[in-house]
Amino acid sequence: MKKPLNILAATLLAGTIFSSSISPAFAEDPTPFTDVNGTEYSKAVEFLYDNGITKGISATKFGVRDPITRVNAAVILGKYLNVDQSNPNIPKSGFRDLPPRAVNIVSFLKYNGIMNGKTDTYFGAGDNITRGEAAIMLYRAFGYQLPDADGTTSFTDISPRYERAVQALVNKGVILGINDTKFGTNDPLTRGQLALLMYRISLLPPYSPLPAEEKHGFVAFGDSNTEGFYFEKQFPESLGNKWTDQVAAVYGEGINSTIYNAGVRGNTTEQGAVRFKEKVLDVNPKAVTIMFGINDALLLDNGQPQVSKVIFKQNLTSMVFQLKARDIEVVLMTNPPVIEGIYYNSQIVTKNKNIAPLYTDKDGLRNWINSYNDIIRQVAKDQGVPLVDVHNILVEKAGGATDYLLGSSGLLDDKTGIHMTPKANDIIAEHVKNKLSDKINSNPSDELNVSIKVDKDIYDLSTDKSIKITISNMDSKSYSYSPPSFLQKKLDNQWVTVEYSDELAFPGIVETLMPNTTATAGISLDARSFKQPLTAGVYRVAHPLGKSTDFKIVE
């Protein structure tokens, strides 16, 4: 049963956009698997088998009730996504337990924040994937087709880590619980169950981005150092002049402070992710700053962080990925350094708890939080987004990273030792504004040293089938972007994006243009590709890394 896959990773890696979907066609012969035909798994396995995504465990057995390993689940997902296994530009995962057939696929999934390992070097290739892990994997891979559902699930065995993914999948009918109250989070997923999940995913309506939506202003997303709630009591004379207010004065475009300041005291990335759609994506800003990490890193009484480093990185990557896919500028920010003595004492005063011993083997709270900053720095590098390194900026201003120097600098408050003073807010505001300057309302290719060229000056709709695009990176560093490219038409001196047909689907992936390399892409001129027919006029290509020069389309 051949069924159209979405326009997926290999297509985008090759830079090609198809003009139409393949029509479903049912196979004349059933699968050769005797444990599948006539069962609930029949259509799902037939779909995977006919599309070359997977085979059976033998010539006659699919193994519908056998548990599936993490590496085999990754390979099936990768083949569904059409990952180019020979592409040398995919950054390697660093996992040492992968078979050769899975190296590029797992590297692709890790790079795009879809799957991670058990450790930095151990993927857990031979471990059975659990139902909870599979839910997270699919939610991250197909999040655009799985909008967050309202309310809560009735399952009693899912932790906050799994809740969003499970709720979204259940809401769309992709997955069910093992009964009305149990999801079976830690139960192994079977090969038959994964086939059903992938088949149901293929039946979902395609995601269609809306690049024509006009964006306004900026949103600062984070915790207390973004919210600045402490200004009211500690620095009332500077109320209304927090770093977020100063940035909004330049880039806010009249947006109210209750909207552009999306900081919430005490929030981790897990809690932030729950409100990310409403407070950030739905605002549709031109730019977003993200500053989380202190609360993620804080240790519980059992010595474990509130959010592990692996989950913290996944959450950050997911946020950046969703923003970049919507052509929203992203600036990541590290957390300020901590005055340990003041913070430790504040916990004794307010909670009657001596937390200092918890951080002894972490080399102190300041270094422990800075290890989360290292993750922020790495995500910024991996995803090719700007970074305001708040920690390093303030340490340099203070003359060093000691309690005495930080306390004497006037950069951090004397109540908790973790909040930035008005002095620090002024410094950081300038750095954020500098990062945003020339980013908003600019052609990215001008600053990225990337050229976007089309192959003709004039295209004739009666003879030309597509527009060939050449993207050249003339820089010594790589750039990440989220395909596809779009056509824009000049109407009354305004550039208007020509929207693709709903029949076309673009998965949320991040592509990489390596240093000193050239990639090609294409836009079909087939009328079926667009919601409205193309007409004669002046056009340009809007690629995520920049825009082409103008060209004409004639009829």
Foldseek 3Di string as FASTA:
>chain_A
DEDWFACADVNVQQFEFDQFTDDDDDDPDFQLAPVAPPDPLRVLVRHCVVLVLDDAPDRHHNFQPAFDFPQSLLSSVLVSRPQDLPDPPQDWQQADPDDSSRGRSVSQCVLLLLAHAPDSHHRRRGHGDFPQNVLSNVCLFFVLLQDFDDDFAQAPPDDLVRTRSVRSCVVLVLADAPDRHHNRRGHGHGPSSSSSNVVSSRPGQFRFADLQDDAAFEAEAEACLLVVPCCVPPPVVCVCPFLQNLLCVPGVRPDDPVQRRRYYHLDALSVSVVCCCVRPVVNRHQEYEYEHQLQQLDADPVLHGVHDLSVSLSSVSSSVLVCQQNLHAYEYEYFAFFLQVLQQVLCCVPPVDRCQVSCPVVVTSRNSSVVSVVSSVVSCQSQVHHYDYLHVVLCVQLVHRHNVSSVVNQQADNNNRRHGDSVSRVVSSVVVNVSCPCVPPHFLCVVQVKAKEWDDQEAELVPDFKIKIKIFRADQAKHKHFDDKWKWFQDPNDTGTFTFDSSHHGIRGIDMDGHGDMHMHMDTQPQNGTPHHDAWGKMWIQTSNGIHDIHIYHD
